[in-house]
């Protein structure tokens, strides 16, 4: 009889311990989670900054940024409006057997047309000065676009692709009576009449006319 009572007590104790463990798992002691935490002291603001200068800092920064933009961004003149369908683009004869590209629009519009044509044909512009109407370009009429080819093509390009065959030219835009002439000059800014310069003028002529036709 005593053995049965002792066994019952042991089983009851084990059940009690298991139940307590289950209850603790369901309701963990949150005090352990905070026993290593520390309270952050309040921020101390120096006296020289306590007068509201921090609150005014965003407005001051915006005002400074606006002033900086006003001084660095140049003012642009309004572009005159011209009906694109009425703009004529022609190659005309000039002195000493040279050719010119004549655009029937003021220089402000012609400048944008020429710049867009150069960009579309991937012609390198090394310098530009709109006030003087000058584009400094590097041009090679035989330059080919880089394409993915065979391994042999890549080997050939490795040894020949870095050859400098481009020539330096200066495009000068001269406005006269609401039309603009594009003159091609060498790097000494003297008019030229070689085959390469004529090829460049023809390329610009065809590109601008194609753009106007759209």
N, C-alpha and C. Protein backbone atom coordinates (compact mmCIF):
# COMPACT_ATOMS: atom_id res chain seq x y z
N UNK A 1 0.83 -1.20 0.00
CA UNK A 1 0.00 0.00 0.00
C UNK A 1 0.86 1.25 0.00
N UNK A 2 1.88 1.22 0.86
CA UNK A 2 2.78 2.38 0.92
C UNK A 2 3.50 2.59 -0.41
N UNK A 3 3.80 1.47 -1.09
CA UNK A 3 4.50 1.58 -2.37
C UNK A 3 3.62 2.26 -3.40
N UNK A 4 2.32 1.92 -3.40
CA UNK A 4 1.39 2.56 -4.34
C UNK A 4 1.27 4.05 -4.07
N UNK A 5 1.19 4.41 -2.77
CA UNK A 5 1.07 5.83 -2.43
C UNK A 5 2.30 6.61 -2.85
N UNK A 6 3.46 5.99 -2.64
CA UNK A 6 4.73 6.66 -3.01
C UNK A 6 4.81 6.85 -4.52
N UNK A 7 4.38 5.84 -5.28
CA UNK A 7 4.41 5.96 -6.74
C UNK A 7 3.47 7.05 -7.21
N UNK A 8 2.29 7.14 -6.56
CA UNK A 8 1.34 8.17 -6.94
C UNK A 8 1.89 9.57 -6.69
N UNK A 9 2.61 9.73 -5.57
CA UNK A 9 3.19 11.04 -5.23
C UNK A 9 4.25 11.44 -6.26
N UNK A 10 5.07 10.46 -6.66
CA UNK A 10 6.15 10.74 -7.62
C UNK A 10 5.56 11.16 -8.97
N UNK A 11 4.50 10.39 -9.42
CA UNK A 11 3.87 10.72 -10.69
C UNK A 11 3.23 12.09 -10.64
N UNK A 12 2.58 12.41 -9.53
CA UNK A 12 1.95 13.73 -9.40
C UNK A 12 2.98 14.85 -9.43
N UNK A 13 4.13 14.62 -8.81
CA UNK A 13 5.18 15.64 -8.80
C UNK A 13 5.72 15.88 -10.20
N UNK A 14 5.90 14.76 -10.94
CA UNK A 14 6.41 14.91 -12.30
C UNK A 14 5.42 15.66 -13.18
N UNK A 15 4.14 15.33 -13.02
CA UNK A 15 3.11 16.03 -13.79
C UNK A 15 3.08 17.50 -13.44
N UNK A 16 3.25 17.83 -12.18
CA UNK A 16 3.26 19.23 -11.73
C UNK A 16 4.42 20.01 -12.33
N UNK A 17 5.61 19.37 -12.34
CA UNK A 17 6.79 20.03 -12.91
C UNK A 17 6.61 20.27 -14.40
N UNK A 18 6.08 19.27 -15.11
CA UNK A 18 5.86 19.40 -16.54
C UNK A 18 4.85 20.49 -16.85
N UNK A 19 3.77 20.55 -16.05
CA UNK A 19 2.76 21.59 -16.26
C UNK A 19 3.33 22.98 -16.04
N UNK A 20 4.16 23.12 -15.01
CA UNK A 20 4.77 24.43 -14.74
C UNK A 20 5.67 24.87 -15.89
N UNK A 21 6.44 23.90 -16.44
CA UNK A 21 7.32 24.22 -17.56
C UNK A 21 6.53 24.67 -18.77
N UNK A 22 5.38 23.95 -19.01
CA UNK A 22 4.54 24.32 -20.16
C UNK A 22 3.95 25.70 -19.99
N UNK A 23 3.50 26.02 -18.80
CA UNK A 23 2.92 27.34 -18.53
C UNK A 23 3.97 28.44 -18.69
N UNK A 24 5.22 28.17 -18.25
CA UNK A 24 6.28 29.17 -18.40
C UNK A 24 6.63 29.42 -19.86
N UNK A 25 6.54 28.35 -20.64
CA UNK A 25 6.81 28.54 -22.07
C UNK A 25 5.73 29.38 -22.74
N UNK A 26 4.49 29.20 -22.25
CA UNK A 26 3.40 29.99 -22.81
C UNK A 26 3.44 31.43 -22.35
N UNK A 27 3.90 31.67 -21.16
CA UNK A 27 3.98 33.02 -20.60
C UNK A 27 5.40 33.28 -20.12
N UNK A 28 6.31 33.59 -21.03
CA UNK A 28 7.72 33.80 -20.62
C UNK A 28 7.87 35.03 -19.74
N UNK A 29 8.94 35.02 -18.98
CA UNK A 29 9.23 36.12 -18.06
C UNK A 29 9.87 37.25 -18.85
N UNK A 30 9.14 38.34 -19.03
CA UNK A 30 9.64 39.46 -19.81
C UNK A 30 10.71 40.26 -19.08
N UNK A 31 10.83 40.08 -17.81
CA UNK A 31 11.83 40.86 -17.08
C UNK A 31 13.24 40.50 -17.52
N UNK A 32 13.45 39.25 -17.95
CA UNK A 32 14.79 38.85 -18.40
C UNK A 32 15.19 39.56 -19.69
N UNK A 33 14.17 39.91 -20.49
CA UNK A 33 14.48 40.59 -21.76
C UNK A 33 15.02 41.99 -21.56
N UNK A 34 14.75 42.58 -20.42
CA UNK A 34 15.13 43.98 -20.19
C UNK A 34 16.18 44.13 -19.09
N UNK A 35 16.71 43.03 -18.62
CA UNK A 35 17.64 43.18 -17.50
C UNK A 35 18.98 43.77 -17.92
N UNK A 36 19.28 43.71 -19.26
CA UNK A 36 20.56 44.27 -19.73
C UNK A 36 20.36 45.58 -20.48
N UNK A 37 19.17 46.07 -20.52
CA UNK A 37 18.92 47.33 -21.23
C UNK A 37 19.27 48.50 -20.35
N UNK A 38 19.61 49.63 -21.05
CA UNK A 38 19.91 50.87 -20.33
C UNK A 38 19.08 51.99 -20.91
N UNK A 39 18.75 52.91 -20.15
CA UNK A 39 17.94 54.04 -20.60
C UNK A 39 18.84 55.09 -21.22
N UNK A 40 18.48 55.56 -22.45
CA UNK A 40 19.26 56.58 -23.13
C UNK A 40 18.92 57.94 -22.54
N UNK A 41 19.93 58.67 -22.13
CA UNK A 41 19.65 59.98 -21.53
C UNK A 41 19.09 60.94 -22.56
N UNK A 42 18.31 61.91 -22.16
CA UNK A 42 17.75 62.88 -23.11
C UNK A 42 18.84 63.69 -23.79
N UNK A 43 18.57 64.10 -25.05
CA UNK A 43 19.54 64.87 -25.82
C UNK A 43 19.71 66.26 -25.21
N UNK A 44 20.97 66.62 -25.02
CA UNK A 44 21.28 67.93 -24.48
C UNK A 44 21.66 68.86 -25.62
N UNK A 45 20.89 69.92 -25.82
CA UNK A 45 21.15 70.89 -26.90
C UNK A 45 22.00 72.02 -26.35
N UNK A 46 23.12 72.35 -27.00
CA UNK A 46 23.97 73.46 -26.54
C UNK A 46 23.18 74.76 -26.53
N UNK A 47 23.56 75.67 -25.67
CA UNK A 47 22.82 76.94 -25.57
C UNK A 47 22.81 77.74 -26.87
N UNK A 48 23.94 77.68 -27.64
CA UNK A 48 23.99 78.50 -28.85
C UNK A 48 23.09 77.95 -29.96
N UNK A 49 22.63 76.69 -29.79
CA UNK A 49 21.73 76.11 -30.78
C UNK A 49 20.30 76.01 -30.29
N UNK A 50 20.07 76.43 -29.09
CA UNK A 50 18.73 76.29 -28.52
C UNK A 50 17.77 77.38 -28.96
N UNK A 51 18.25 78.35 -29.71
CA UNK A 51 17.39 79.47 -30.10
C UNK A 51 16.60 79.25 -31.35
N UNK A 52 16.49 78.00 -31.80
CA UNK A 52 15.66 77.71 -32.97
C UNK A 52 16.44 77.63 -34.26
N UNK A 53 17.79 77.67 -34.17
CA UNK A 53 18.58 77.62 -35.41
C UNK A 53 18.48 76.26 -36.07
N UNK A 54 18.27 75.20 -35.26
CA UNK A 54 18.12 73.87 -35.85
C UNK A 54 16.83 73.78 -36.64
N UNK A 55 15.76 74.33 -36.08
CA UNK A 55 14.48 74.29 -36.78
C UNK A 55 14.52 75.07 -38.08
N UNK A 56 15.34 76.12 -38.12
CA UNK A 56 15.42 76.96 -39.31
C UNK A 56 16.43 76.45 -40.33
N UNK A 57 17.17 75.36 -39.96
CA UNK A 57 18.22 74.87 -40.85
C UNK A 57 17.69 74.42 -42.20
N UNK A 58 16.59 73.64 -42.28
CA UNK A 58 16.11 73.23 -43.61
C UNK A 58 15.77 74.40 -44.52
N UNK A 59 15.13 75.43 -43.95
CA UNK A 59 14.77 76.59 -44.78
C UNK A 59 16.02 77.31 -45.26
N UNK A 60 17.02 77.42 -44.38
CA UNK A 60 18.26 78.09 -44.78
C UNK A 60 18.98 77.30 -45.86
N UNK A 61 18.95 75.96 -45.73
CA UNK A 61 19.61 75.13 -46.74
C UNK A 61 18.92 75.27 -48.08
N UNK A 62 17.59 75.31 -48.08
CA UNK A 62 16.87 75.47 -49.34
C UNK A 62 17.16 76.83 -49.97
N UNK A 63 17.24 77.86 -49.15
CA UNK A 63 17.54 79.19 -49.69
C UNK A 63 18.94 79.23 -50.29
N UNK A 64 19.90 78.58 -49.62
CA UNK A 64 21.27 78.56 -50.14
C UNK A 64 21.34 77.78 -51.44
N UNK A 65 20.59 76.66 -51.51
CA UNK A 65 20.60 75.87 -52.73
C UNK A 65 19.99 76.64 -53.89
N UNK A 66 18.90 77.36 -53.62
CA UNK A 66 18.27 78.16 -54.67
C UNK A 66 19.20 79.25 -55.16
N UNK A 67 19.93 79.87 -54.24
CA UNK A 67 20.87 80.92 -54.64
C UNK A 67 22.00 80.35 -55.47
N UNK A 68 22.47 79.13 -55.11
CA UNK A 68 23.55 78.51 -55.84
C UNK A 68 23.10 78.16 -57.26
N UNK A 69 21.88 77.62 -57.39
CA UNK A 69 21.37 77.29 -58.71
C UNK A 69 21.22 78.55 -59.56
N UNK A 70 20.77 79.64 -58.95
CA UNK A 70 20.58 80.87 -59.70
C UNK A 70 21.89 81.42 -60.24
N UNK A 71 22.99 81.16 -59.53
CA UNK A 71 24.28 81.70 -59.98
C UNK A 71 24.98 80.77 -60.96
N UNK A 72 24.68 79.44 -60.90
CA UNK A 72 25.40 78.50 -61.74
C UNK A 72 24.67 78.19 -63.04
N UNK A 73 23.35 78.28 -63.06
CA UNK A 73 22.59 77.97 -64.26
C UNK A 73 22.42 79.24 -65.10
N UNK A 74 22.99 79.27 -66.30
CA UNK A 74 22.87 80.48 -67.11
C UNK A 74 21.47 80.64 -67.65
N UNK A 75 21.07 81.86 -67.85
CA UNK A 75 19.76 82.13 -68.43
C UNK A 75 19.80 81.83 -69.91
N UNK A 76 18.73 81.23 -70.42
CA UNK A 76 18.66 80.87 -71.83
C UNK A 76 17.67 81.77 -72.53
N UNK A 77 18.03 82.15 -73.74
CA UNK A 77 17.16 83.00 -74.53
C UNK A 77 16.00 82.17 -75.09
N UNK A 78 14.82 82.74 -75.23
CA UNK A 78 13.71 81.99 -75.80
C UNK A 78 13.98 81.62 -77.24
N UNK A 79 13.65 80.37 -77.57
CA UNK A 79 13.89 79.89 -78.92
C UNK A 79 12.74 80.35 -79.82
N UNK A 80 13.05 81.02 -80.92
CA UNK A 80 11.97 81.47 -81.82
C UNK A 80 11.24 80.28 -82.41
N UNK A 81 9.96 80.47 -82.64
CA UNK A 81 9.15 79.41 -83.21
C UNK A 81 9.15 79.51 -84.73
N UNK A 82 9.44 78.37 -85.38
CA UNK A 82 9.47 78.30 -86.84
C UNK A 82 8.79 77.01 -87.25
N UNK A 83 7.96 77.09 -88.27
CA UNK A 83 7.29 75.90 -88.78
C UNK A 83 8.34 74.97 -89.40
N UNK A 84 8.49 73.78 -88.82
CA UNK A 84 9.52 72.85 -89.29
C UNK A 84 9.31 72.48 -90.75
N UNK A 85 8.06 72.43 -91.19
CA UNK A 85 7.79 72.03 -92.57
C UNK A 85 8.27 73.08 -93.58
N UNK A 86 8.48 74.30 -93.11
CA UNK A 86 8.91 75.37 -94.02
C UNK A 86 10.42 75.58 -94.02
N UNK A 87 11.14 74.86 -93.18
CA UNK A 87 12.59 75.04 -93.10
C UNK A 87 13.25 74.33 -94.28
N UNK A 88 14.04 75.08 -95.02
CA UNK A 88 14.79 74.54 -96.16
C UNK A 88 16.22 74.22 -95.74
N UNK A 89 16.72 73.09 -96.21
CA UNK A 89 18.10 72.69 -95.93
C UNK A 89 18.75 72.34 -97.26
N UNK A 90 19.79 73.08 -97.63
CA UNK A 90 20.42 72.90 -98.93
C UNK A 90 21.94 72.99 -98.81
N UNK A 91 22.59 72.31 -99.76
CA UNK A 91 24.03 72.47 -99.94
C UNK A 91 24.25 73.52 -101.02
N UNK A 92 24.98 74.58 -100.69
CA UNK A 92 25.18 75.68 -101.62
C UNK A 92 26.67 75.89 -101.85
N UNK A 93 26.98 76.48 -103.01
CA UNK A 93 28.38 76.78 -103.35
C UNK A 93 28.84 78.03 -102.60
N UNK A 94 30.14 78.02 -102.26
CA UNK A 94 30.74 79.17 -101.59
C UNK A 94 32.05 79.52 -102.30
N UNK A 95 32.85 80.35 -101.66
CA UNK A 95 34.10 80.80 -102.29
C UNK A 95 35.12 79.67 -102.36
N UNK A 96 36.00 79.77 -103.31
CA UNK A 96 37.15 78.87 -103.47
C UNK A 96 36.72 77.41 -103.59
N UNK A 97 35.60 77.19 -104.24
CA UNK A 97 35.16 75.82 -104.48
C UNK A 97 34.63 75.09 -103.27
N UNK A 98 34.39 75.78 -102.18
CA UNK A 98 33.87 75.14 -100.97
C UNK A 98 32.35 75.05 -101.01
N UNK A 99 31.82 74.24 -100.14
CA UNK A 99 30.38 74.07 -100.00
C UNK A 99 29.96 74.53 -98.61
N UNK A 100 28.69 74.93 -98.51
CA UNK A 100 28.11 75.29 -97.23
C UNK A 100 26.76 74.60 -97.08
N UNK A 101 26.40 74.37 -95.85
CA UNK A 101 25.08 73.84 -95.56
C UNK A 101 24.20 75.00 -95.10
N UNK A 102 23.18 75.30 -95.85
CA UNK A 102 22.31 76.44 -95.54
C UNK A 102 21.00 75.94 -94.94
N UNK A 103 20.72 76.42 -93.75
CA UNK A 103 19.51 76.05 -93.02
C UNK A 103 18.61 77.28 -92.94
N UNK A 104 17.39 77.16 -93.40
CA UNK A 104 16.48 78.31 -93.41
C UNK A 104 15.84 78.55 -92.05
N UNK A 105 16.67 78.85 -91.06
CA UNK A 105 16.19 79.11 -89.71
C UNK A 105 17.24 79.92 -88.97
N UNK A 106 16.84 80.66 -87.93
CA UNK A 106 17.82 81.41 -87.14
C UNK A 106 18.86 80.48 -86.52
N UNK A 107 19.97 81.08 -86.10
CA UNK A 107 21.09 80.29 -85.59
C UNK A 107 20.73 79.49 -84.34
N UNK A 108 19.79 80.01 -83.52
CA UNK A 108 19.41 79.28 -82.31
C UNK A 108 18.79 77.94 -82.65
N UNK A 109 17.93 77.92 -83.67
CA UNK A 109 17.31 76.67 -84.09
C UNK A 109 18.30 75.81 -84.87
N UNK A 110 19.09 76.43 -85.73
CA UNK A 110 20.07 75.68 -86.52
C UNK A 110 21.10 75.01 -85.62
N UNK A 111 21.45 75.68 -84.52
CA UNK A 111 22.42 75.09 -83.57
C UNK A 111 21.89 73.77 -83.03
N UNK A 112 20.64 73.74 -82.67
CA UNK A 112 20.05 72.52 -82.12
C UNK A 112 19.94 71.45 -83.20
N UNK A 113 19.64 71.83 -84.40
CA UNK A 113 19.53 70.85 -85.49
C UNK A 113 20.88 70.19 -85.77
N UNK A 114 21.92 71.00 -85.85
CA UNK A 114 23.25 70.46 -86.13
C UNK A 114 23.71 69.58 -84.97
N UNK A 115 23.51 70.03 -83.73
CA UNK A 115 23.91 69.22 -82.58
C UNK A 115 23.19 67.88 -82.54
N UNK A 116 21.91 67.89 -82.87
CA UNK A 116 21.13 66.65 -82.89
C UNK A 116 21.62 65.71 -83.99
N UNK A 117 21.95 66.26 -85.15
CA UNK A 117 22.44 65.44 -86.25
C UNK A 117 23.79 64.81 -85.92
N UNK A 118 24.66 65.57 -85.28
CA UNK A 118 25.96 65.04 -84.88
C UNK A 118 25.79 63.90 -83.88
N UNK A 119 24.86 64.08 -82.96
CA UNK A 119 24.62 63.04 -81.95
C UNK A 119 24.04 61.78 -82.58
N UNK A 120 23.13 61.94 -83.51
CA UNK A 120 22.50 60.78 -84.14
C UNK A 120 23.50 59.96 -84.95
N UNK A 121 24.45 60.61 -85.54
CA UNK A 121 25.44 59.91 -86.35
C UNK A 121 26.70 59.57 -85.56
N UNK A 122 26.63 59.74 -84.25
CA UNK A 122 27.74 59.37 -83.35
C UNK A 122 29.05 60.03 -83.74
N UNK A 123 28.98 61.28 -84.17
CA UNK A 123 30.18 62.05 -84.49
C UNK A 123 30.69 62.71 -83.21
N UNK A 124 31.93 62.48 -82.90
CA UNK A 124 32.49 62.97 -81.65
C UNK A 124 32.64 64.49 -81.68
N UNK A 125 32.07 65.14 -80.69
CA UNK A 125 32.21 66.59 -80.52
C UNK A 125 33.17 66.83 -79.37
N UNK A 126 34.33 67.39 -79.67
CA UNK A 126 35.34 67.61 -78.64
C UNK A 126 35.17 68.94 -77.92
N UNK A 127 34.49 69.88 -78.56
CA UNK A 127 34.25 71.17 -77.93
C UNK A 127 33.12 71.88 -78.66
N UNK A 128 32.36 72.65 -77.91
CA UNK A 128 31.28 73.43 -78.54
C UNK A 128 31.17 74.78 -77.84
N UNK A 129 30.88 75.80 -78.62
CA UNK A 129 30.75 77.16 -78.11
C UNK A 129 29.60 77.82 -78.86
N UNK A 130 28.44 77.86 -78.20
CA UNK A 130 27.26 78.38 -78.88
C UNK A 130 27.34 79.87 -79.10
N UNK A 131 28.00 80.58 -78.21
CA UNK A 131 28.11 82.03 -78.39
C UNK A 131 28.85 82.37 -79.68
N UNK A 132 29.88 81.58 -80.00
CA UNK A 132 30.63 81.81 -81.23
C UNK A 132 30.14 80.93 -82.37
N UNK A 133 29.18 80.03 -82.08
CA UNK A 133 28.63 79.16 -83.12
C UNK A 133 29.62 78.14 -83.63
N UNK A 134 30.40 77.51 -82.73
CA UNK A 134 31.45 76.59 -83.15
C UNK A 134 31.24 75.19 -82.58
N UNK A 135 31.36 74.20 -83.46
CA UNK A 135 31.45 72.79 -83.07
C UNK A 135 32.82 72.27 -83.49
N UNK A 136 33.60 71.73 -82.55
CA UNK A 136 34.85 71.06 -82.89
C UNK A 136 34.57 69.56 -82.91
N UNK A 137 34.80 68.92 -84.06
CA UNK A 137 34.42 67.52 -84.20
C UNK A 137 35.58 66.70 -84.73
N UNK A 138 35.48 65.38 -84.51
CA UNK A 138 36.38 64.40 -85.10
C UNK A 138 35.55 63.53 -86.03
N UNK A 139 35.96 63.47 -87.30
CA UNK A 139 35.13 62.78 -88.29
C UNK A 139 35.96 61.89 -89.19
N UNK A 140 35.45 60.68 -89.40
CA UNK A 140 36.06 59.73 -90.33
C UNK A 140 34.95 59.15 -91.19
N UNK A 141 34.91 59.45 -92.49
CA UNK A 141 33.82 58.96 -93.34
C UNK A 141 33.81 57.45 -93.49
N UNK A 142 34.94 56.78 -93.23
CA UNK A 142 35.02 55.33 -93.39
C UNK A 142 34.85 54.57 -92.07
N UNK A 143 34.50 55.29 -91.02
CA UNK A 143 34.34 54.64 -89.73
C UNK A 143 33.11 53.74 -89.75
N UNK A 144 33.27 52.53 -89.22
CA UNK A 144 32.18 51.57 -89.18
C UNK A 144 31.75 51.37 -87.73
N UNK A 145 30.49 51.06 -87.58
CA UNK A 145 29.97 50.79 -86.25
C UNK A 145 30.54 49.48 -85.73
N UNK A 146 30.82 49.44 -84.44
CA UNK A 146 31.34 48.23 -83.81
C UNK A 146 30.22 47.22 -83.67
N UNK A 147 30.43 46.02 -84.23
CA UNK A 147 29.42 44.98 -84.17
C UNK A 147 30.03 43.71 -83.58
N UNK A 148 29.17 42.88 -83.02
CA UNK A 148 29.61 41.58 -82.52
C UNK A 148 29.83 40.65 -83.70
N UNK A 149 31.05 40.16 -83.84
CA UNK A 149 31.36 39.27 -84.95
C UNK A 149 32.08 38.03 -84.48
N UNK A 150 32.84 37.45 -85.38
CA UNK A 150 33.57 36.24 -85.05
C UNK A 150 34.81 36.56 -84.22
N UNK A 151 35.46 35.52 -83.77
CA UNK A 151 36.69 35.71 -82.98
C UNK A 151 37.76 36.37 -83.84
N UNK A 152 37.79 36.01 -85.13
CA UNK A 152 38.78 36.62 -86.02
C UNK A 152 38.55 38.11 -86.16
N UNK A 153 37.27 38.54 -86.24
CA UNK A 153 36.96 39.97 -86.32
C UNK A 153 37.44 40.69 -85.07
N UNK A 154 37.28 40.06 -83.92
CA UNK A 154 37.73 40.68 -82.67
C UNK A 154 39.24 40.79 -82.63
N UNK A 155 39.95 39.76 -83.17
CA UNK A 155 41.42 39.81 -83.21
C UNK A 155 41.88 40.93 -84.14
N UNK A 156 41.21 41.07 -85.29
CA UNK A 156 41.58 42.13 -86.23
C UNK A 156 41.34 43.49 -85.60
N UNK A 157 40.20 43.63 -84.91
CA UNK A 157 39.90 44.92 -84.27
C UNK A 157 40.90 45.24 -83.17
N UNK A 158 41.39 44.20 -82.49
CA UNK A 158 42.35 44.42 -81.42
C UNK A 158 43.62 45.09 -81.92
N UNK A 159 44.05 44.74 -83.16
CA UNK A 159 45.28 45.29 -83.69
C UNK A 159 45.07 46.49 -84.61
N UNK A 160 43.88 46.63 -85.16
CA UNK A 160 43.65 47.73 -86.11
C UNK A 160 42.59 48.70 -85.64
N UNK A 161 41.85 48.34 -84.61
CA UNK A 161 40.73 49.18 -84.19
C UNK A 161 41.13 50.45 -83.50
N UNK A 162 42.38 50.52 -83.05
CA UNK A 162 42.83 51.70 -82.33
C UNK A 162 43.57 52.69 -83.21
N UNK A 163 43.60 52.45 -84.51
CA UNK A 163 44.24 53.39 -85.41
C UNK A 163 43.41 54.67 -85.50
N UNK A 164 44.05 55.80 -85.38
CA UNK A 164 43.36 57.08 -85.42
C UNK A 164 43.31 57.56 -86.86
N UNK A 165 42.13 57.47 -87.45
CA UNK A 165 41.95 57.90 -88.84
C UNK A 165 40.99 59.08 -88.94
N UNK A 166 40.50 59.55 -87.82
CA UNK A 166 39.57 60.67 -87.83
C UNK A 166 40.32 61.98 -88.05
N UNK A 167 39.64 62.92 -88.68
CA UNK A 167 40.21 64.24 -88.91
C UNK A 167 39.45 65.27 -88.08
N UNK A 168 40.16 66.29 -87.69
CA UNK A 168 39.54 67.34 -86.86
C UNK A 168 39.01 68.44 -87.76
N UNK A 169 37.75 68.78 -87.53
CA UNK A 169 37.11 69.86 -88.27
C UNK A 169 36.40 70.80 -87.30
N UNK A 170 36.15 71.99 -87.79
CA UNK A 170 35.40 72.99 -87.02
C UNK A 170 34.19 73.39 -87.83
N UNK A 171 33.00 73.23 -87.25
CA UNK A 171 31.77 73.67 -87.89
C UNK A 171 31.42 75.05 -87.33
N UNK A 172 31.32 76.03 -88.22
CA UNK A 172 30.99 77.38 -87.80
C UNK A 172 29.62 77.75 -88.34
N UNK A 173 28.73 78.19 -87.45
CA UNK A 173 27.39 78.60 -87.84
C UNK A 173 27.34 80.12 -87.93
N UNK A 174 26.96 80.61 -89.10
CA UNK A 174 26.89 82.05 -89.37
C UNK A 174 25.46 82.38 -89.78
N UNK A 175 24.81 83.25 -89.01
CA UNK A 175 23.43 83.64 -89.31
C UNK A 175 23.41 84.86 -90.22
N UNK A 176 22.50 84.82 -91.19
CA UNK A 176 22.36 85.94 -92.12
C UNK A 176 20.92 85.98 -92.61
N UNK A 177 20.19 87.03 -92.21
CA UNK A 177 18.83 87.26 -92.69
C UNK A 177 17.93 86.03 -92.42
N UNK A 178 17.84 85.65 -91.14
CA UNK A 178 16.97 84.56 -90.68
C UNK A 178 17.29 83.20 -91.30
N UNK A 179 18.50 83.06 -91.79
CA UNK A 179 18.97 81.75 -92.22
C UNK A 179 20.41 81.57 -91.74
N UNK A 180 20.84 80.33 -91.64
CA UNK A 180 22.14 80.05 -91.04
C UNK A 180 22.95 79.16 -91.97
N UNK A 181 24.20 79.58 -92.22
CA UNK A 181 25.13 78.79 -93.01
C UNK A 181 26.07 78.02 -92.08
N UNK A 182 26.26 76.75 -92.39
CA UNK A 182 27.22 75.91 -91.65
C UNK A 182 28.46 75.77 -92.52
N UNK A 183 29.57 76.33 -92.04
CA UNK A 183 30.83 76.33 -92.79
C UNK A 183 31.78 75.33 -92.13
N UNK A 184 32.45 74.52 -92.94
CA UNK A 184 33.42 73.57 -92.42
C UNK A 184 34.81 74.15 -92.59
N UNK A 185 35.57 74.15 -91.47
CA UNK A 185 36.93 74.68 -91.47
C UNK A 185 37.85 73.66 -90.84
N UNK A 186 39.16 73.86 -91.07
CA UNK A 186 40.14 73.00 -90.41
C UNK A 186 40.39 73.50 -89.00
N UNK A 187 41.33 72.88 -88.29
CA UNK A 187 41.58 73.25 -86.90
C UNK A 187 42.16 74.65 -86.77
N UNK A 188 42.72 75.20 -87.87
CA UNK A 188 43.17 76.60 -87.87
C UNK A 188 42.03 77.54 -88.26
N UNK A 189 40.82 76.96 -88.40
CA UNK A 189 39.61 77.70 -88.74
C UNK A 189 39.73 78.40 -90.10
N UNK A 190 40.26 77.64 -91.08
CA UNK A 190 40.29 78.08 -92.46
C UNK A 190 39.37 77.18 -93.27
N UNK A 191 38.57 77.76 -94.18
CA UNK A 191 37.64 76.94 -94.96
C UNK A 191 38.36 75.85 -95.73
N UNK A 192 37.76 74.67 -95.77
CA UNK A 192 38.34 73.53 -96.47
C UNK A 192 37.35 73.03 -97.50
N UNK A 193 37.91 72.36 -98.53
CA UNK A 193 37.06 71.86 -99.62
C UNK A 193 37.51 70.47 -100.05
N UNK A 194 37.91 69.63 -99.08
CA UNK A 194 38.32 68.29 -99.44
C UNK A 194 37.11 67.35 -99.45
N UNK A 195 37.37 66.12 -99.86
CA UNK A 195 36.28 65.15 -100.00
C UNK A 195 35.68 64.78 -98.64
N UNK A 196 36.51 64.77 -97.60
CA UNK A 196 36.01 64.38 -96.28
C UNK A 196 35.07 65.44 -95.72
N UNK A 197 35.42 66.71 -95.88
CA UNK A 197 34.55 67.77 -95.40
C UNK A 197 33.22 67.78 -96.15
N UNK A 198 33.27 67.51 -97.47
CA UNK A 198 32.05 67.44 -98.24
C UNK A 198 31.18 66.26 -97.78
N UNK A 199 31.84 65.16 -97.44
CA UNK A 199 31.10 64.01 -96.92
C UNK A 199 30.40 64.34 -95.61
N UNK A 200 31.06 65.11 -94.76
CA UNK A 200 30.47 65.51 -93.48
C UNK A 200 29.28 66.44 -93.70
N UNK A 201 29.43 67.40 -94.60
CA UNK A 201 28.32 68.31 -94.90
C UNK A 201 27.12 67.54 -95.47
N UNK A 202 27.40 66.60 -96.36
CA UNK A 202 26.33 65.81 -96.96
C UNK A 202 25.61 64.97 -95.90
N UNK A 203 26.39 64.41 -94.98
CA UNK A 203 25.80 63.62 -93.91
C UNK A 203 24.89 64.47 -93.03
N UNK A 204 25.33 65.67 -92.69
CA UNK A 204 24.50 66.57 -91.89
C UNK A 204 23.25 66.98 -92.66
N UNK A 205 23.42 67.26 -93.93
CA UNK A 205 22.30 67.66 -94.78
C UNK A 205 21.22 66.56 -94.80
N UNK A 206 21.63 65.33 -95.05
CA UNK A 206 20.68 64.24 -95.15
C UNK A 206 20.02 63.94 -93.79
N UNK A 207 20.80 64.03 -92.72
CA UNK A 207 20.26 63.73 -91.39
C UNK A 207 19.25 64.77 -90.95
N UNK A 208 19.56 66.04 -91.19
CA UNK A 208 18.63 67.11 -90.78
C UNK A 208 17.35 67.05 -91.62
N UNK A 209 17.48 66.82 -92.91
CA UNK A 209 16.28 66.74 -93.76
C UNK A 209 15.42 65.55 -93.36
N UNK A 210 16.05 64.44 -93.02
CA UNK A 210 15.29 63.27 -92.56
C UNK A 210 14.55 63.56 -91.27
N UNK A 211 15.19 64.31 -90.39
CA UNK A 211 14.56 64.65 -89.12
C UNK A 211 13.38 65.60 -89.31
N UNK A 212 13.52 66.55 -90.23
CA UNK A 212 12.44 67.50 -90.50
C UNK A 212 11.25 66.84 -91.17
N UNK A 213 11.50 65.76 -91.89
CA UNK A 213 10.43 65.08 -92.61
C UNK A 213 9.54 64.24 -91.70
N UNK A 214 9.97 64.02 -90.48
CA UNK A 214 9.20 63.17 -89.56
C UNK A 214 8.01 63.95 -88.99
